[in-house]
């Protein structure tokens, strides 16, 4: 999945010390409208956006990545903490999307 990380900066104080990840995963079943879809979207269509992850308590920027054109992105090896995730439209067509109190998922393997 790291191929989706087009540009990334990471705070070494927080990242790379855990076995958790945050990411914009595609739906497991694209035909099922109830299947969770974590892809980055603009006006409900997958899009290339900048994702900024902040550690919730200190507001330190932990990582910044750009999704690919399919809206897929991922940051591995995060600590099991709460995060604030911002989705930023670089073209300026829509306001930023914010997800607060986000917990990362365990990495497989």
PDB file of N, CA and C in Angstrom:
ATOM      1  N   UNK A   1       0.804  -1.205   0.000  1.00  0.00           N
ATOM      2  CA  UNK A   1       0.000   0.000   0.000  1.00  0.00           C
ATOM      3  C   UNK A   1       0.845   1.267   0.000  1.00  0.00           C
ATOM      4  N   UNK A   2       2.082   1.192   0.359  1.00  0.00           N
ATOM      5  CA  UNK A   2       2.892   2.393   0.420  1.00  0.00           C
ATOM      6  C   UNK A   2       3.030   3.105  -0.922  1.00  0.00           C
ATOM      7  N   UNK A   3       2.726   2.420  -2.015  1.00  0.00           N
ATOM      8  CA  UNK A   3       2.826   3.066  -3.320  1.00  0.00           C
ATOM      9  C   UNK A   3       1.847   4.224  -3.454  1.00  0.00           C
ATOM     10  N   UNK A   4       0.829   4.284  -2.592  1.00  0.00           N
ATOM     11  CA  UNK A   4      -0.136   5.363  -2.652  1.00  0.00           C
ATOM     12  C   UNK A   4       0.382   6.618  -1.967  1.00  0.00           C
ATOM     13  N   UNK A   5       1.491   6.521  -1.272  1.00  0.00           N
ATOM     14  CA  UNK A   5       2.028   7.680  -0.563  1.00  0.00           C
ATOM     15  C   UNK A   5       2.919   8.464  -1.512  1.00  0.00           C
ATOM     16  N   UNK A   6       2.377   9.529  -2.053  1.00  0.00           N
ATOM     17  CA  UNK A   6       3.096  10.294  -3.062  1.00  0.00           C
ATOM     18  C   UNK A   6       4.064  11.295  -2.444  1.00  0.00           C
ATOM     19  N   UNK A   7       3.721  11.802  -1.291  1.00  0.00           N
ATOM     20  CA  UNK A   7       4.604  12.707  -0.573  1.00  0.00           C
ATOM     21  C   UNK A   7       4.231  12.600   0.886  1.00  0.00           C
ATOM     22  N   UNK A   8       5.193  12.447   1.772  1.00  0.00           N
ATOM     23  CA  UNK A   8       4.830  12.209   3.154  1.00  0.00           C
ATOM     24  C   UNK A   8       5.873  12.788   4.087  1.00  0.00           C
ATOM     25  N   UNK A   9       5.408  13.413   5.162  1.00  0.00           N
ATOM     26  CA  UNK A   9       6.280  13.822   6.251  1.00  0.00           C
ATOM     27  C   UNK A   9       5.719  13.198   7.522  1.00  0.00           C
ATOM     28  N   UNK A  10       6.590  12.757   8.384  1.00  0.00           N
ATOM     29  CA  UNK A  10       6.148  12.068   9.590  1.00  0.00           C
ATOM     30  C   UNK A  10       6.897  12.600  10.802  1.00  0.00           C
ATOM     31  N   UNK A  11       6.173  12.801  11.886  1.00  0.00           N
ATOM     32  CA  UNK A  11       6.797  13.160  13.148  1.00  0.00           C
ATOM     33  C   UNK A  11       7.380  11.899  13.768  1.00  0.00           C
ATOM     34  N   UNK A  12       8.704  11.807  13.896  1.00  0.00           N
ATOM     35  CA  UNK A  12       9.310  10.583  14.437  1.00  0.00           C
ATOM     36  C   UNK A  12       8.966  10.345  15.898  1.00  0.00           C
ATOM     37  N   UNK A  13       8.441  11.352  16.595  1.00  0.00           N
ATOM     38  CA  UNK A  13       8.089  11.168  18.005  1.00  0.00           C
ATOM     39  C   UNK A  13       6.833  10.311  18.161  1.00  0.00           C
ATOM     40  N   UNK A  14       6.001  10.262  17.129  1.00  0.00           N
ATOM     41  CA  UNK A  14       4.725   9.566  17.253  1.00  0.00           C
ATOM     42  C   UNK A  14       4.617   8.394  16.289  1.00  0.00           C
ATOM     43  N   UNK A  15       4.999   8.600  15.066  1.00  0.00           N
ATOM     44  CA  UNK A  15       4.842   7.564  14.048  1.00  0.00           C
ATOM     45  C   UNK A  15       5.976   6.551  14.141  1.00  0.00           C
ATOM     46  N   UNK A  16       5.796   5.454  13.453  1.00  0.00           N
ATOM     47  CA  UNK A  16       6.780   4.372  13.386  1.00  0.00           C
ATOM     48  C   UNK A  16       7.069   3.752  14.740  1.00  0.00           C
ATOM     49  N   UNK A  17       6.142   3.861  15.660  1.00  0.00           N
ATOM     50  CA  UNK A  17       6.364   3.202  16.941  1.00  0.00           C
ATOM     51  C   UNK A  17       5.225   2.252  17.274  1.00  0.00           C
ATOM     52  N   UNK A  18       4.353   2.035  16.308  1.00  0.00           N
ATOM     53  CA  UNK A  18       3.216   1.166  16.584  1.00  0.00           C
ATOM     54  C   UNK A  18       2.924   0.212  15.444  1.00  0.00           C
ATOM     55  N   UNK A  19       1.925  -0.581  15.645  1.00  0.00           N
ATOM     56  CA  UNK A  19       1.508  -1.588  14.664  1.00  0.00           C
ATOM     57  C   UNK A  19       0.108  -1.265  14.151  1.00  0.00           C
ATOM     58  N   UNK A  20      -0.162   0.024  13.936  1.00  0.00           N
ATOM     59  CA  UNK A  20      -1.485   0.464  13.512  1.00  0.00           C
ATOM     60  C   UNK A  20      -1.370   1.322  12.262  1.00  0.00           C
ATOM     61  N   UNK A  21      -2.489   1.479  11.547  1.00  0.00           N
ATOM     62  CA  UNK A  21      -2.481   2.306  10.341  1.00  0.00           C
ATOM     63  C   UNK A  21      -3.774   3.091  10.213  1.00  0.00           C
ATOM     64  N   UNK A  22      -3.702   4.167   9.463  1.00  0.00           N
ATOM     65  CA  UNK A  22      -4.872   4.905   9.006  1.00  0.00           C
ATOM     66  C   UNK A  22      -4.822   4.905   7.495  1.00  0.00           C
ATOM     67  N   UNK A  23      -5.968   4.785   6.877  1.00  0.00           N
ATOM     68  CA  UNK A  23      -5.953   4.776   5.422  1.00  0.00           C
ATOM     69  C   UNK A  23      -7.329   4.905   4.819  1.00  0.00           C
ATOM     70  N   UNK A  24      -7.330   5.284   3.572  1.00  0.00           N
ATOM     71  CA  UNK A  24      -8.548   5.376   2.787  1.00  0.00           C
ATOM     72  C   UNK A  24      -8.702   4.119   1.976  1.00  0.00           C
ATOM     73  N   UNK A  25      -9.228   3.093   2.594  1.00  0.00           N
ATOM     74  CA  UNK A  25      -9.381   1.792   1.940  1.00  0.00           C
ATOM     75  C   UNK A  25     -10.628   1.776   1.061  1.00  0.00           C
ATOM     76  N   UNK A  26     -10.577   1.039  -0.053  1.00  0.00           N
ATOM     77  CA  UNK A  26     -11.763   0.902  -0.902  1.00  0.00           C
ATOM     78  C   UNK A  26     -12.783  -0.032  -0.258  1.00  0.00           C
ATOM     79  N   UNK A  27     -14.028  -0.010  -0.716  1.00  0.00           N
ATOM     80  CA  UNK A  27     -15.018  -0.939  -0.156  1.00  0.00           C
ATOM     81  C   UNK A  27     -14.657  -2.386  -0.487  1.00  0.00           C
ATOM     82  N   UNK A  28     -14.956  -3.276   0.432  1.00  0.00           N
ATOM     83  CA  UNK A  28     -14.688  -4.691   0.175  1.00  0.00           C
ATOM     84  C   UNK A  28     -15.554  -5.212  -0.966  1.00  0.00           C
ATOM     85  N   UNK A  29     -16.789  -4.746  -1.035  1.00  0.00           N
ATOM     86  CA  UNK A  29     -17.700  -5.135  -2.117  1.00  0.00           C
ATOM     87  C   UNK A  29     -18.228  -3.857  -2.766  1.00  0.00           C
ATOM     88  N   UNK A  30     -17.651  -3.419  -3.885  1.00  0.00           N
ATOM     89  CA  UNK A  30     -18.084  -2.173  -4.531  1.00  0.00           C
ATOM     90  C   UNK A  30     -19.554  -2.174  -4.953  1.00  0.00           C
ATOM     91  N   UNK A  31     -20.151  -3.351  -5.129  1.00  0.00           N
ATOM     92  CA  UNK A  31     -21.560  -3.425  -5.526  1.00  0.00           C
ATOM     93  C   UNK A  31     -22.506  -3.220  -4.339  1.00  0.00           C
ATOM     94  N   UNK A  32     -21.992  -3.413  -3.118  1.00  0.00           N
ATOM     95  CA  UNK A  32     -22.809  -3.272  -1.907  1.00  0.00           C
ATOM     96  C   UNK A  32     -22.701  -1.840  -1.402  1.00  0.00           C
ATOM     97  N   UNK A  33     -23.784  -1.086  -1.487  1.00  0.00           N
ATOM     98  CA  UNK A  33     -23.775   0.313  -1.070  1.00  0.00           C
ATOM     99  C   UNK A  33     -23.552   0.485   0.430  1.00  0.00           C
ATOM    100  N   UNK A  34     -23.737  -0.576   1.213  1.00  0.00           N
ATOM    101  CA  UNK A  34     -23.515  -0.509   2.657  1.00  0.00           C
ATOM    102  C   UNK A  34     -22.098  -0.897   3.061  1.00  0.00           C
ATOM    103  N   UNK A  35     -21.275  -1.344   2.110  1.00  0.00           N
ATOM    104  CA  UNK A  35     -19.895  -1.714   2.397  1.00  0.00           C
ATOM    105  C   UNK A  35     -19.096  -0.449   2.715  1.00  0.00           C
ATOM    106  N   UNK A  36     -18.382  -0.411   3.870  1.00  0.00           N
ATOM    107  CA  UNK A  36     -17.629   0.798   4.231  1.00  0.00           C
ATOM    108  C   UNK A  36     -16.645   1.200   3.131  1.00  0.00           C
ATOM    109  N   UNK A  37     -16.609   2.489   2.842  1.00  0.00           N
ATOM    110  CA  UNK A  37     -15.754   3.036   1.788  1.00  0.00           C
ATOM    111  C   UNK A  37     -14.955   4.192   2.383  1.00  0.00           C
ATOM    112  N   UNK A  38     -13.661   4.001   2.594  1.00  0.00           N
ATOM    113  CA  UNK A  38     -12.832   5.021   3.226  1.00  0.00           C
ATOM    114  C   UNK A  38     -12.056   5.886   2.255  1.00  0.00           C
ATOM    115  N   UNK A  39     -12.300   5.724   0.955  1.00  0.00           N
ATOM    116  CA  UNK A  39     -11.549   6.501  -0.037  1.00  0.00           C
ATOM    117  C   UNK A  39     -11.796   7.993   0.126  1.00  0.00           C
ATOM    118  N   UNK A  40     -10.794   8.781  -0.217  1.00  0.00           N
ATOM    119  CA  UNK A  40     -10.932  10.238  -0.242  1.00  0.00           C
ATOM    120  C   UNK A  40     -11.845  10.598  -1.400  1.00  0.00           C
ATOM    121  N   UNK A  41     -12.813  11.472  -1.134  1.00  0.00           N
ATOM    122  CA  UNK A  41     -13.776  11.841  -2.165  1.00  0.00           C
ATOM    123  C   UNK A  41     -14.038  13.335  -2.151  1.00  0.00           C
ATOM    124  N   UNK A  42     -14.360  13.857  -3.311  1.00  0.00           N
ATOM    125  CA  UNK A  42     -14.839  15.227  -3.456  1.00  0.00           C
ATOM    126  C   UNK A  42     -16.172  15.131  -4.177  1.00  0.00           C
ATOM    127  N   UNK A  43     -17.204  15.704  -3.560  1.00  0.00           N
ATOM    128  CA  UNK A  43     -18.563  15.626  -4.096  1.00  0.00           C
ATOM    129  C   UNK A  43     -18.949  14.180  -4.401  1.00  0.00           C
ATOM    130  N   UNK A  44     -18.599  13.304  -3.464  1.00  0.00           N
ATOM    131  CA  UNK A  44     -18.928  11.878  -3.476  1.00  0.00           C
ATOM    132  C   UNK A  44     -18.270  11.082  -4.605  1.00  0.00           C
ATOM    133  N   UNK A  45     -17.204  11.618  -5.195  1.00  0.00           N
ATOM    134  CA  UNK A  45     -16.444  10.882  -6.211  1.00  0.00           C
ATOM    135  C   UNK A  45     -15.003  10.774  -5.745  1.00  0.00           C
ATOM    136  N   UNK A  46     -14.376   9.585  -5.861  1.00  0.00           N
ATOM    137  CA  UNK A  46     -12.974   9.440  -5.461  1.00  0.00           C
ATOM    138  C   UNK A  46     -12.114  10.500  -6.143  1.00  0.00           C
ATOM    139  N   UNK A  47     -11.172  11.066  -5.374  1.00  0.00           N
ATOM    140  CA  UNK A  47     -10.366  12.175  -5.891  1.00  0.00           C
ATOM    141  C   UNK A  47      -9.003  12.210  -5.216  1.00  0.00           C
ATOM    142  N   UNK A  48      -8.097  12.953  -5.833  1.00  0.00           N
ATOM    143  CA  UNK A  48      -6.771  13.185  -5.266  1.00  0.00           C
ATOM    144  C   UNK A  48      -6.896  14.348  -4.281  1.00  0.00           C
ATOM    145  N   UNK A  49      -6.574  14.069  -3.016  1.00  0.00           N
ATOM    146  CA  UNK A  49      -6.601  15.106  -1.987  1.00  0.00           C
ATOM    147  C   UNK A  49      -5.363  14.982  -1.108  1.00  0.00           C
ATOM    148  N   UNK A  50      -5.104  16.007  -0.310  1.00  0.00           N
ATOM    149  CA  UNK A  50      -4.029  15.966   0.676  1.00  0.00           C
ATOM    150  C   UNK A  50      -4.656  15.599   2.012  1.00  0.00           C
ATOM    151  N   UNK A  51      -4.075  14.604   2.676  1.00  0.00           N
ATOM    152  CA  UNK A  51      -4.562  14.140   3.975  1.00  0.00           C
ATOM    153  C   UNK A  51      -3.519  14.504   5.018  1.00  0.00           C
ATOM    154  N   UNK A  52      -3.942  15.210   6.042  1.00  0.00           N
ATOM    155  CA  UNK A  52      -3.043  15.584   7.142  1.00  0.00           C
ATOM    156  C   UNK A  52      -3.550  14.921   8.411  1.00  0.00           C
ATOM    157  N   UNK A  53      -2.642  14.223   9.113  1.00  0.00           N
ATOM    158  CA  UNK A  53      -2.984  13.510  10.340  1.00  0.00           C
ATOM    159  C   UNK A  53      -2.293  14.191  11.512  1.00  0.00           C
ATOM    160  N   UNK A  54      -3.082  14.575  12.509  1.00  0.00           N
ATOM    161  CA  UNK A  54      -2.556  15.223  13.711  1.00  0.00           C
ATOM    162  C   UNK A  54      -2.854  14.341  14.921  1.00  0.00           C
ATOM    163  N   UNK A  55      -1.886  14.246  15.835  1.00  0.00           N
ATOM    164  CA  UNK A  55      -2.119  13.550  17.098  1.00  0.00           C
ATOM    165  C   UNK A  55      -3.088  14.409  17.897  1.00  0.00           C
ATOM    166  N   UNK A  56      -4.163  13.840  18.373  1.00  0.00           N
ATOM    167  CA  UNK A  56      -5.290  14.591  18.915  1.00  0.00           C
ATOM    168  C   UNK A  56      -4.951  15.446  20.135  1.00  0.00           C
ATOM    169  N   UNK A  57      -4.146  14.958  21.054  1.00  0.00           N
ATOM    170  CA  UNK A  57      -3.879  15.719  22.279  1.00  0.00           C
ATOM    171  C   UNK A  57      -2.937  16.891  22.059  1.00  0.00           C
ATOM    172  N   UNK A  58      -1.844  16.660  21.339  1.00  0.00           N
ATOM    173  CA  UNK A  58      -0.826  17.705  21.167  1.00  0.00           C
ATOM    174  C   UNK A  58      -1.024  18.531  19.902  1.00  0.00           C
ATOM    175  N   UNK A  59      -1.823  18.023  18.962  1.00  0.00           N
ATOM    176  CA  UNK A  59      -2.039  18.630  17.642  1.00  0.00           C
ATOM    177  C   UNK A  59      -0.759  18.667  16.804  1.00  0.00           C
ATOM    178  N   UNK A  60       0.188  17.788  17.118  1.00  0.00           N
ATOM    179  CA  UNK A  60       1.406  17.645  16.321  1.00  0.00           C
ATOM    180  C   UNK A  60       1.041  16.951  15.012  1.00  0.00           C
ATOM    181  N   UNK A  61       1.551  17.474  13.894  1.00  0.00           N
ATOM    182  CA  UNK A  61       1.327  16.817  12.609  1.00  0.00           C
ATOM    183  C   UNK A  61       2.162  15.544  12.584  1.00  0.00           C
ATOM    184  N   UNK A  62       1.490  14.424  12.465  1.00  0.00           N
ATOM    185  CA  UNK A  62       2.142  13.124  12.464  1.00  0.00           C
ATOM    186  C   UNK A  62       2.523  12.725  11.052  1.00  0.00           C
ATOM    187  N   UNK A  63       1.625  12.968  10.114  1.00  0.00           N
ATOM    188  CA  UNK A  63       1.886  12.587   8.733  1.00  0.00           C
ATOM    189  C   UNK A  63       1.055  13.443   7.799  1.00  0.00           C
ATOM    190  N   UNK A  64       1.562  13.564   6.591  1.00  0.00           N
ATOM    191  CA  UNK A  64       0.822  14.226   5.525  1.00  0.00           C
ATOM    192  C   UNK A  64       1.073  13.434   4.255  1.00  0.00           C
ATOM    193  N   UNK A  65      -0.002  13.012   3.615  1.00  0.00           N
ATOM    194  CA  UNK A  65       0.100  12.214   2.396  1.00  0.00           C
ATOM    195  C   UNK A  65      -0.865  12.773   1.360  1.00  0.00           C
ATOM    196  N   UNK A  66      -0.624  12.386   0.119  1.00  0.00           N
ATOM    197  CA  UNK A  66      -1.556  12.721  -0.940  1.00  0.00           C
ATOM    198  C   UNK A  66      -2.168  11.414  -1.431  1.00  0.00           C
ATOM    199  N   UNK A  67      -3.483  11.398  -1.536  1.00  0.00           N
ATOM    200  CA  UNK A  67      -4.126  10.194  -2.058  1.00  0.00           C
ATOM    201  C   UNK A  67      -3.844  10.090  -3.549  1.00  0.00           C
ATOM    202  N   UNK A  68      -4.051   8.898  -4.086  1.00  0.00           N
ATOM    203  CA  UNK A  68      -3.931   8.771  -5.534  1.00  0.00           C
ATOM    204  C   UNK A  68      -5.260   9.194  -6.166  1.00  0.00           C
ATOM    205  N   UNK A  69      -5.368   9.146  -7.463  1.00  0.00           N
ATOM    206  CA  UNK A  69      -6.568   9.604  -8.169  1.00  0.00           C
ATOM    207  C   UNK A  69      -7.794   8.764  -7.821  1.00  0.00           C
ATOM    208  N   UNK A  70      -7.572   7.540  -7.296  1.00  0.00           N
ATOM    209  CA  UNK A  70      -8.700   6.692  -6.879  1.00  0.00           C
ATOM    210  C   UNK A  70      -9.142   6.985  -5.452  1.00  0.00           C
ATOM    211  N   UNK A  71      -8.473   7.939  -4.781  1.00  0.00           N
ATOM    212  CA  UNK A  71      -8.819   8.286  -3.412  1.00  0.00           C
ATOM    213  C   UNK A  71      -8.179   7.400  -2.364  1.00  0.00           C
ATOM    214  N   UNK A  72      -7.220   6.554  -2.769  1.00  0.00           N
ATOM    215  CA  UNK A  72      -6.581   5.631  -1.839  1.00  0.00           C
ATOM    216  C   UNK A  72      -5.358   6.262  -1.200  1.00  0.00           C
ATOM    217  N   UNK A  73      -5.196   6.045   0.098  1.00  0.00           N
ATOM    218  CA  UNK A  73      -4.039   6.535   0.839  1.00  0.00           C
ATOM    219  C   UNK A  73      -3.860   5.651   2.072  1.00  0.00           C
ATOM    220  N   UNK A  74      -2.651   5.690   2.652  1.00  0.00           N
ATOM    221  CA  UNK A  74      -2.387   4.875   3.846  1.00  0.00           C
ATOM    222  C   UNK A  74      -1.127   5.376   4.539  1.00  0.00           C
ATOM    223  N   UNK A  75      -1.152   5.356   5.867  1.00  0.00           N
ATOM    224  CA  UNK A  75       0.017   5.642   6.700  1.00  0.00           C
ATOM    225  C   UNK A  75       0.143   4.492   7.690  1.00  0.00           C
ATOM    226  N   UNK A  76       1.252   3.769   7.625  1.00  0.00           N
ATOM    227  CA  UNK A  76       1.513   2.608   8.472  1.00  0.00           C
ATOM    228  C   UNK A  76       2.330   2.971   9.707  1.00  0.00           C
ATOM    229  N   UNK A  77       2.351   2.045  10.666  1.00  0.00           N
ATOM    230  CA  UNK A  77       3.201   2.088  11.866  1.00  0.00           C
ATOM    231  C   UNK A  77       2.891   3.266  12.781  1.00  0.00           C
ATOM    232  N   UNK A  78       1.618   3.565  12.938  1.00  0.00           N
ATOM    233  CA  UNK A  78       1.220   4.614  13.874  1.00  0.00           C
ATOM    234  C   UNK A  78       1.032   4.032  15.270  1.00  0.00           C
ATOM    235  N   UNK A  79       1.186   4.889  16.257  1.00  0.00           N
ATOM    236  CA  UNK A  79       0.900   4.498  17.632  1.00  0.00           C
ATOM    237  C   UNK A  79      -0.617   4.405  17.814  1.00  0.00           C
ATOM    238  N   UNK A  80      -1.043   3.631  18.775  1.00  0.00           N
ATOM    239  CA  UNK A  80      -2.472   3.465  19.063  1.00  0.00           C
ATOM    240  C   UNK A  80      -2.944   4.655  19.901  1.00  0.00           C
ATOM    241  N   UNK A  81      -3.137   5.772  19.225  1.00  0.00           N
ATOM    242  CA  UNK A  81      -3.579   7.017  19.848  1.00  0.00           C
ATOM    243  C   UNK A  81      -4.792   7.536  19.087  1.00  0.00           C
ATOM    244  N   UNK A  82      -5.367   8.627  19.571  1.00  0.00           N
ATOM    245  CA  UNK A  82      -6.471   9.262  18.855  1.00  0.00           C
ATOM    246  C   UNK A  82      -5.911  10.354  17.948  1.00  0.00           C
ATOM    247  N   UNK A  83      -6.480  10.459  16.744  1.00  0.00           N
ATOM    248  CA  UNK A  83      -5.989  11.391  15.733  1.00  0.00           C
ATOM    249  C   UNK A  83      -7.114  12.271  15.203  1.00  0.00           C
ATOM    250  N   UNK A  84      -6.723  13.392  14.661  1.00  0.00           N
ATOM    251  CA  UNK A  84      -7.588  14.291  13.902  1.00  0.00           C
ATOM    252  C   UNK A  84      -7.119  14.171  12.464  1.00  0.00           C
ATOM    253  N   UNK A  85      -8.024  13.860  11.539  1.00  0.00           N
ATOM    254  CA  UNK A  85      -7.661  13.652  10.145  1.00  0.00           C
ATOM    255  C   UNK A  85      -8.350  14.714   9.294  1.00  0.00           C
ATOM    256  N   UNK A  86      -7.551  15.458   8.533  1.00  0.00           N
ATOM    257  CA  UNK A  86      -8.068  16.496   7.647  1.00  0.00           C
ATOM    258  C   UNK A  86      -7.915  16.060   6.203  1.00  0.00           C
ATOM    259  N   UNK A  87      -8.946  16.256   5.417  1.00  0.00           N
ATOM    260  CA  UNK A  87      -8.890  16.023   3.980  1.00  0.00           C
ATOM    261  C   UNK A  87      -8.967  17.364   3.284  1.00  0.00           C
ATOM    262  N   UNK A  88      -7.927  17.723   2.539  1.00  0.00           N
ATOM    263  CA  UNK A  88      -7.825  19.059   1.941  1.00  0.00           C
ATOM    264  C   UNK A  88      -7.869  18.978   0.422  1.00  0.00           C
ATOM    265  N   UNK A  89      -8.807  19.692  -0.173  1.00  0.00           N
ATOM    266  CA  UNK A  89      -8.935  19.758  -1.626  1.00  0.00           C
ATOM    267  C   UNK A  89      -7.964  20.807  -2.143  1.00  0.00           C
ATOM    268  N   UNK A  90      -6.915  20.366  -2.804  1.00  0.00           N
ATOM    269  CA  UNK A  90      -5.885  21.284  -3.290  1.00  0.00           C
ATOM    270  C   UNK A  90      -6.380  22.207  -4.396  1.00  0.00           C
ATOM    271  N   UNK A  91      -7.462  21.836  -5.076  1.00  0.00           N
ATOM    272  CA  UNK A  91      -7.973  22.691  -6.145  1.00  0.00           C
ATOM    273  C   UNK A  91      -8.863  23.806  -5.604  1.00  0.00           C
ATOM    274  N   UNK A  92      -9.239  23.730  -4.330  1.00  0.00           N
ATOM    275  CA  UNK A  92     -10.019  24.797  -3.712  1.00  0.00           C
ATOM    276  C   UNK A  92     -11.488  24.791  -4.075  1.00  0.00           C
ATOM    277  N   UNK A  93     -12.007  23.677  -4.555  1.00  0.00           N
ATOM    278  CA  UNK A  93     -13.422  23.617  -4.935  1.00  0.00           C
ATOM    279  C   UNK A  93     -14.357  23.369  -3.759  1.00  0.00           C
ATOM    280  N   UNK A  94     -13.872  22.672  -2.727  1.00  0.00           N
ATOM    281  CA  UNK A  94     -14.710  22.385  -1.557  1.00  0.00           C
ATOM    282  C   UNK A  94     -13.894  22.637  -0.289  1.00  0.00           C
ATOM    283  N   UNK A  95     -14.610  22.836   0.822  1.00  0.00           N
ATOM    284  CA  UNK A  95     -13.956  23.028   2.109  1.00  0.00           C
ATOM    285  C   UNK A  95     -13.328  21.729   2.589  1.00  0.00           C
ATOM    286  N   UNK A  96     -12.423  21.856   3.544  1.00  0.00           N
ATOM    287  CA  UNK A  96     -11.765  20.687   4.122  1.00  0.00           C
ATOM    288  C   UNK A  96     -12.783  19.803   4.834  1.00  0.00           C
ATOM    289  N   UNK A  97     -12.522  18.509   4.823  1.00  0.00           N
ATOM    290  CA  UNK A  97     -13.307  17.547   5.594  1.00  0.00           C
ATOM    291  C   UNK A  97     -12.505  17.185   6.831  1.00  0.00           C
ATOM    292  N   UNK A  98     -13.186  17.040   7.964  1.00  0.00           N
ATOM    293  CA  UNK A  98     -12.517  16.760   9.229  1.00  0.00           C
ATOM    294  C   UNK A  98     -13.140  15.528   9.866  1.00  0.00           C
ATOM    295  N   UNK A  99     -12.284  14.603  10.308  1.00  0.00           N
ATOM    296  CA  UNK A  99     -12.714  13.465  11.112  1.00  0.00           C
ATOM    297  C   UNK A  99     -11.960  13.571  12.437  1.00  0.00           C
ATOM    298  N   UNK A 100     -12.691  13.644  13.526  1.00  0.00           N
ATOM    299  CA  UNK A 100     -12.089  13.828  14.841  1.00  0.00           C
ATOM    300  C   UNK A 100     -12.193  12.540  15.650  1.00  0.00           C
ATOM    301  N   UNK A 101     -11.275  12.365  16.600  1.00  0.00           N
ATOM    302  CA  UNK A 101     -11.236  11.221  17.501  1.00  0.00           C
ATOM    303  C   UNK A 101     -11.124   9.905  16.725  1.00  0.00           C
ATOM    304  N   UNK A 102     -10.245   9.877  15.732  1.00  0.00           N
ATOM    305  CA  UNK A 102     -10.062   8.692  14.894  1.00  0.00           C
ATOM    306  C   UNK A 102      -9.023   7.777  15.536  1.00  0.00           C
ATOM    307  N   UNK A 103      -9.376   6.501  15.648  1.00  0.00           N
ATOM    308  CA  UNK A 103      -8.446   5.483  16.151  1.00  0.00           C
ATOM    309  C   UNK A 103      -7.938   4.681  14.964  1.00  0.00           C
ATOM    310  N   UNK A 104      -6.635   4.377  14.923  1.00  0.00           N
ATOM    311  CA  UNK A 104      -6.108   3.593  13.808  1.00  0.00           C
ATOM    312  C   UNK A 104      -6.484   2.117  13.924  1.00  0.00           C
ATOM    313  N   UNK A 105      -6.428   1.436  12.805  1.00  0.00           N
ATOM    314  CA  UNK A 105      -6.724  -0.003  12.748  1.00  0.00           C
ATOM    315  C   UNK A 105      -5.427  -0.793  12.884  1.00  0.00           C
ATOM    316  N   UNK A 106      -5.492  -2.004  13.428  1.00  0.00           N
ATOM    317  CA  UNK A 106      -4.291  -2.834  13.513  1.00  0.00           C
ATOM    318  C   UNK A 106      -3.817  -3.248  12.117  1.00  0.00           C
ATOM    319  N   UNK A 107      -2.500  -3.245  11.935  1.00  0.00           N
ATOM    320  CA  UNK A 107      -1.920  -3.715  10.669  1.00  0.00           C
ATOM    321  C   UNK A 107      -1.969  -5.232  10.647  1.00  0.00           C
ATOM    322  N   UNK A 108      -2.178  -5.794   9.475  1.00  0.00           N
ATOM    323  CA  UNK A 108      -2.169  -7.245   9.336  1.00  0.00           C
ATOM    324  C   UNK A 108      -0.726  -7.745   9.376  1.00  0.00           C
ATOM    325  N   UNK A 109      -0.570  -8.936   9.912  1.00  0.00           N
ATOM    326  CA  UNK A 109       0.750  -9.567   9.893  1.00  0.00           C
ATOM    327  C   UNK A 109       1.637  -9.002  10.847  1.00  0.00           C
TER     328      UNK A 109
END
